[in-house]
Amino acid sequence: MQMDFSQLDRFDQAILNVLGGEGRISIADLARRIGLSKSPTQTRLKRLESEGVITGYRALVDPVRLGLDHVAFVEVRLNDTRENALTTFNAAVARVPEIEQAHMIASNFDYLLKIRTRSMTEYRMVLAEKISTLPNVASTSTYVAMQAVKDDGALAPE
């Protein structure tokens, strides 16, 4: 069942907002921050997990500190957009580690990819050897990001 953020009560919304910024917070601290005791907070958290609203927890890694500060966005146009071609393309994209994000787009191109590499030279090789050789790629257009102005992945409640 799909759930809309506005369908959650204020406590569930508060849990998601706090965990979106601090995934390692203790139940006691989470309970204090949202204004409930530990037991109902833990019950709500387990329900949000079991209903698939919270799908997991992960460490956020600073790619710049790892030398991965070159970001490019690539528009991809396919020469075939039938379901089998899309499925094949999607599977191939999932195997390219430099592709950080891939979105199917309703536009004059079919996909928008976010590519992260160490340099323009490395990006050029990824484009030539990996992106351009993906199944059904007809053409690409690249946009190089100069600075990430906002990149927090947090929920934006209405």
C-alpha atoms as a PDB file:
ATOM      1  CA  MET A   1       0.000   0.000   0.000  1.00  0.00           C
ATOM      2  CA  GLN A   2       1.355   3.398  -0.949  1.00  0.00           C
ATOM      3  CA  MET A   3       1.184   6.041   1.725  1.00  0.00           C
ATOM      4  CA  ASP A   4       1.266   9.816   1.337  1.00  0.00           C
ATOM      5  CA  PHE A   5       3.391  11.857   3.769  1.00  0.00           C
ATOM      6  CA  SER A   6       0.293  13.880   4.703  1.00  0.00           C
ATOM      7  CA  GLN A   7      -1.504  10.670   5.756  1.00  0.00           C
ATOM      8  CA  LEU A   8       0.967  10.187   8.601  1.00  0.00           C
ATOM      9  CA  ASP A   9       0.224  11.851  11.914  1.00  0.00           C
ATOM     10  CA  ARG A  10       2.569  14.470  13.343  1.00  0.00           C
ATOM     11  CA  PHE A  11       4.532  11.935  15.409  1.00  0.00           C
ATOM     12  CA  ASP A  12       5.223   9.659  12.415  1.00  0.00           C
ATOM     13  CA  GLN A  13       6.191  12.699  10.333  1.00  0.00           C
ATOM     14  CA  ALA A  14       8.507  13.854  13.130  1.00  0.00           C
ATOM     15  CA  ILE A  15      10.138  10.410  13.292  1.00  0.00           C
ATOM     16  CA  LEU A  16      10.825  10.489   9.547  1.00  0.00           C
ATOM     17  CA  ASN A  17      12.172  14.050   9.680  1.00  0.00           C
ATOM     18  CA  VAL A  18      14.534  13.307  12.579  1.00  0.00           C
ATOM     19  CA  LEU A  19      15.767  10.012  11.090  1.00  0.00           C
ATOM     20  CA  GLY A  20      16.241  11.677   7.691  1.00  0.00           C
ATOM     21  CA  GLY A  21      18.943  13.799   9.268  1.00  0.00           C
ATOM     22  CA  GLU A  22      20.178  11.513  12.058  1.00  0.00           C
ATOM     23  CA  GLY A  23      19.735   7.829  11.251  1.00  0.00           C
ATOM     24  CA  ARG A  24      21.859   6.667  14.196  1.00  0.00           C
ATOM     25  CA  ILE A  25      19.867   8.447  16.908  1.00  0.00           C
ATOM     26  CA  SER A  26      18.897   6.283  19.900  1.00  0.00           C
ATOM     27  CA  ILE A  27      15.257   5.468  20.606  1.00  0.00           C
ATOM     28  CA  ALA A  28      15.471   7.477  23.843  1.00  0.00           C
ATOM     29  CA  ASP A  29      16.763  10.574  22.003  1.00  0.00           C
ATOM     30  CA  LEU A  30      14.264  10.110  19.183  1.00  0.00           C
ATOM     31  CA  ALA A  31      11.407   9.830  21.691  1.00  0.00           C
ATOM     32  CA  ARG A  32      12.543  12.996  23.479  1.00  0.00           C
ATOM     33  CA  ARG A  33      12.842  14.892  20.181  1.00  0.00           C
ATOM     34  CA  ILE A  34       9.329  13.977  18.996  1.00  0.00           C
ATOM     35  CA  GLY A  35       7.640  14.347  22.393  1.00  0.00           C
ATOM     36  CA  LEU A  36       6.658  10.730  23.115  1.00  0.00           C
ATOM     37  CA  SER A  37       7.915   8.112  25.532  1.00  0.00           C
ATOM     38  CA  LYS A  38      10.280   5.343  24.370  1.00  0.00           C
ATOM     39  CA  SER A  39       7.742   2.530  24.063  1.00  0.00           C
ATOM     40  CA  PRO A  40       5.254   4.251  21.692  1.00  0.00           C
ATOM     41  CA  THR A  41       8.151   5.714  19.705  1.00  0.00           C
ATOM     42  CA  GLN A  42       9.666   2.267  19.235  1.00  0.00           C
ATOM     43  CA  THR A  43       6.254   0.832  18.270  1.00  0.00           C
ATOM     44  CA  ARG A  44       5.766   3.579  15.661  1.00  0.00           C
ATOM     45  CA  LEU A  45       9.283   3.069  14.307  1.00  0.00           C
ATOM     46  CA  LYS A  46       8.771  -0.681  13.923  1.00  0.00           C
ATOM     47  CA  ARG A  47       5.418  -0.049  12.161  1.00  0.00           C
ATOM     48  CA  LEU A  48       7.006   2.440   9.742  1.00  0.00           C
ATOM     49  CA  GLU A  49       9.688  -0.162   8.974  1.00  0.00           C
ATOM     50  CA  SER A  50       7.238  -3.064   8.568  1.00  0.00           C
ATOM     51  CA  GLU A  51       4.970  -0.992   6.298  1.00  0.00           C
ATOM     52  CA  GLY A  52       7.951  -0.181   4.086  1.00  0.00           C
ATOM     53  CA  VAL A  53       7.884   3.564   4.776  1.00  0.00           C
ATOM     54  CA  ILE A  54      11.396   3.236   6.239  1.00  0.00           C
ATOM     55  CA  THR A  55      13.288   0.944   3.891  1.00  0.00           C
ATOM     56  CA  GLY A  56      16.654   0.878   5.646  1.00  0.00           C
ATOM     57  CA  TYR A  57      19.511   2.812   7.174  1.00  0.00           C
ATOM     58  CA  ARG A  58      22.865   3.669   5.657  1.00  0.00           C
ATOM     59  CA  ALA A  59      25.997   5.697   6.174  1.00  0.00           C
ATOM     60  CA  LEU A  60      26.276   8.863   4.102  1.00  0.00           C
ATOM     61  CA  VAL A  61      29.749   9.067   2.621  1.00  0.00           C
ATOM     62  CA  ASP A  62      31.341  12.349   1.519  1.00  0.00           C
ATOM     63  CA  PRO A  63      32.424  11.611  -2.068  1.00  0.00           C
ATOM     64  CA  VAL A  64      34.609  14.741  -2.202  1.00  0.00           C
ATOM     65  CA  ARG A  65      36.784  13.399   0.640  1.00  0.00           C
ATOM     66  CA  LEU A  66      37.243  10.264  -1.484  1.00  0.00           C
ATOM     67  CA  GLY A  67      38.357  12.299  -4.484  1.00  0.00           C
ATOM     68  CA  LEU A  68      35.088  11.801  -6.350  1.00  0.00           C
ATOM     69  CA  ASP A  69      34.238  15.463  -6.809  1.00  0.00           C
ATOM     70  CA  HIS A  70      33.537  15.532 -10.558  1.00  0.00           C
ATOM     71  CA  VAL A  71      29.781  15.341 -11.170  1.00  0.00           C
ATOM     72  CA  ALA A  72      28.147  15.257 -14.576  1.00  0.00           C
ATOM     73  CA  PHE A  73      24.519  14.886 -15.543  1.00  0.00           C
ATOM     74  CA  VAL A  74      23.896  13.040 -18.780  1.00  0.00           C
ATOM     75  CA  GLU A  75      20.763  13.131 -20.884  1.00  0.00           C
ATOM     76  CA  VAL A  76      20.366   9.817 -22.676  1.00  0.00           C
ATOM     77  CA  ARG A  77      18.190   9.272 -25.720  1.00  0.00           C
ATOM     78  CA  LEU A  78      17.407   5.680 -26.638  1.00  0.00           C
ATOM     79  CA  ASN A  79      16.787   4.337 -30.120  1.00  0.00           C
ATOM     80  CA  ASP A  80      14.122   1.958 -28.773  1.00  0.00           C
ATOM     81  CA  THR A  81      11.707   2.664 -25.925  1.00  0.00           C
ATOM     82  CA  ARG A  82       9.675  -0.516 -25.927  1.00  0.00           C
ATOM     83  CA  GLU A  83       9.430  -2.227 -22.553  1.00  0.00           C
ATOM     84  CA  ASN A  84      12.065  -4.875 -23.276  1.00  0.00           C
ATOM     85  CA  ALA A  85      14.577  -2.196 -24.351  1.00  0.00           C
ATOM     86  CA  LEU A  86      13.899  -0.151 -21.208  1.00  0.00           C
ATOM     87  CA  THR A  87      14.317  -3.210 -18.989  1.00  0.00           C
ATOM     88  CA  THR A  88      17.606  -4.104 -20.703  1.00  0.00           C
ATOM     89  CA  PHE A  89      18.886  -0.531 -20.372  1.00  0.00           C
ATOM     90  CA  ASN A  90      17.864  -0.344 -16.689  1.00  0.00           C
ATOM     91  CA  ALA A  91      19.694  -3.577 -15.876  1.00  0.00           C
ATOM     92  CA  ALA A  92      22.840  -2.404 -17.661  1.00  0.00           C
ATOM     93  CA  VAL A  93      22.786   0.971 -15.858  1.00  0.00           C
ATOM     94  CA  ALA A  94      22.623  -0.815 -12.490  1.00  0.00           C
ATOM     95  CA  ARG A  95      25.984  -2.469 -13.280  1.00  0.00           C
ATOM     96  CA  VAL A  96      27.901   0.798 -13.870  1.00  0.00           C
ATOM     97  CA  PRO A  97      29.370   1.935 -10.530  1.00  0.00           C
ATOM     98  CA  GLU A  98      30.025   5.514 -11.694  1.00  0.00           C
ATOM     99  CA  ILE A  99      26.286   6.052 -12.268  1.00  0.00           C
ATOM    100  CA  GLU A 100      25.126   7.415  -8.927  1.00  0.00           C
ATOM    101  CA  GLN A 101      21.509   8.009  -9.991  1.00  0.00           C
ATOM    102  CA  ALA A 102      19.405   7.145 -13.028  1.00  0.00           C
ATOM    103  CA  HIS A 103      15.939   8.512 -13.710  1.00  0.00           C
ATOM    104  CA  MET A 104      13.547   7.795 -16.568  1.00  0.00           C
ATOM    105  CA  ILE A 105      12.329  11.198 -17.740  1.00  0.00           C
ATOM    106  CA  ALA A 106       9.198  12.393 -19.563  1.00  0.00           C
ATOM    107  CA  SER A 107      10.926  14.819 -21.919  1.00  0.00           C
ATOM    108  CA  ASN A 108      12.652  15.005 -25.295  1.00  0.00           C
ATOM    109  CA  PHE A 109      15.228  12.555 -23.871  1.00  0.00           C
ATOM    110  CA  ASP A 110      14.617   9.286 -22.041  1.00  0.00           C
ATOM    111  CA  TYR A 111      16.964   9.149 -19.028  1.00  0.00           C
ATOM    112  CA  LEU A 112      18.899  11.523 -16.818  1.00  0.00           C
ATOM    113  CA  LEU A 113      22.003  10.003 -15.251  1.00  0.00           C
ATOM    114  CA  LYS A 114      24.142  11.432 -12.462  1.00  0.00           C
ATOM    115  CA  ILE A 115      27.745  10.344 -12.952  1.00  0.00           C
ATOM    116  CA  ARG A 116      30.437  10.767 -10.301  1.00  0.00           C
ATOM    117  CA  THR A 117      34.139  10.429 -11.157  1.00  0.00           C
ATOM    118  CA  ARG A 118      37.530  11.773 -10.071  1.00  0.00           C
ATOM    119  CA  SER A 119      38.129  14.038 -13.073  1.00  0.00           C
ATOM    120  CA  MET A 120      36.972  15.173 -16.489  1.00  0.00           C
ATOM    121  CA  THR A 121      39.433  12.719 -18.044  1.00  0.00           C
ATOM    122  CA  GLU A 122      37.944   9.825 -16.080  1.00  0.00           C
ATOM    123  CA  TYR A 123      34.428  11.007 -16.944  1.00  0.00           C
ATOM    124  CA  ARG A 124      35.317  11.091 -20.646  1.00  0.00           C
ATOM    125  CA  MET A 125      36.431   7.448 -20.409  1.00  0.00           C
ATOM    126  CA  VAL A 126      33.265   6.438 -18.553  1.00  0.00           C
ATOM    127  CA  LEU A 127      31.162   8.170 -21.202  1.00  0.00           C
ATOM    128  CA  ALA A 128      33.027   6.554 -24.086  1.00  0.00           C
ATOM    129  CA  GLU A 129      33.516   3.068 -22.658  1.00  0.00           C
ATOM    130  CA  LYS A 130      30.448   2.578 -20.474  1.00  0.00           C
ATOM    131  CA  ILE A 131      27.585   5.062 -21.026  1.00  0.00           C
ATOM    132  CA  SER A 132      27.745   5.214 -24.823  1.00  0.00           C
ATOM    133  CA  THR A 133      27.927   1.431 -25.055  1.00  0.00           C
ATOM    134  CA  LEU A 134      24.834   0.801 -22.926  1.00  0.00           C
ATOM    135  CA  PRO A 135      22.071  -1.038 -24.820  1.00  0.00           C
ATOM    136  CA  ASN A 136      19.940   1.100 -27.159  1.00  0.00           C
ATOM    137  CA  VAL A 137      21.774   4.396 -26.529  1.00  0.00           C
ATOM    138  CA  ALA A 138      21.229   6.666 -29.536  1.00  0.00           C
ATOM    139  CA  SER A 139      22.795   9.866 -28.152  1.00  0.00           C
ATOM    140  CA  THR A 140      23.922  11.636 -24.991  1.00  0.00           C
ATOM    141  CA  SER A 141      24.316  15.218 -23.808  1.00  0.00           C
ATOM    142  CA  THR A 142      26.497  16.095 -20.821  1.00  0.00           C
ATOM    143  CA  TYR A 143      26.122  18.872 -18.249  1.00  0.00           C
ATOM    144  CA  VAL A 144      28.968  19.278 -15.764  1.00  0.00           C
ATOM    145  CA  ALA A 145      28.023  20.413 -12.251  1.00  0.00           C
ATOM    146  CA  MET A 146      30.191  23.207 -10.852  1.00  0.00           C
ATOM    147  CA  GLN A 147      28.824  23.069  -7.286  1.00  0.00           C
ATOM    148  CA  ALA A 148      26.193  21.146  -5.325  1.00  0.00           C
ATOM    149  CA  VAL A 149      23.991  23.848  -3.824  1.00  0.00           C
ATOM    150  CA  LYS A 150      21.607  21.409  -2.084  1.00  0.00           C
ATOM    151  CA  ASP A 151      22.152  17.690  -1.818  1.00  0.00           C
ATOM    152  CA  ASP A 152      20.676  16.422   1.438  1.00  0.00           C
ATOM    153  CA  GLY A 153      18.081  13.878   0.342  1.00  0.00           C
ATOM    154  CA  ALA A 154      15.772  14.940   3.191  1.00  0.00           C
ATOM    155  CA  LEU A 155      12.003  14.792   2.973  1.00  0.00           C
ATOM    156  CA  ALA A 156      10.173  18.021   2.316  1.00  0.00           C
ATOM    157  CA  PRO A 157       6.807  17.789   4.100  1.00  0.00           C
ATOM    158  CA  GLU A 158       3.972  19.816   2.669  1.00  0.00           C
END
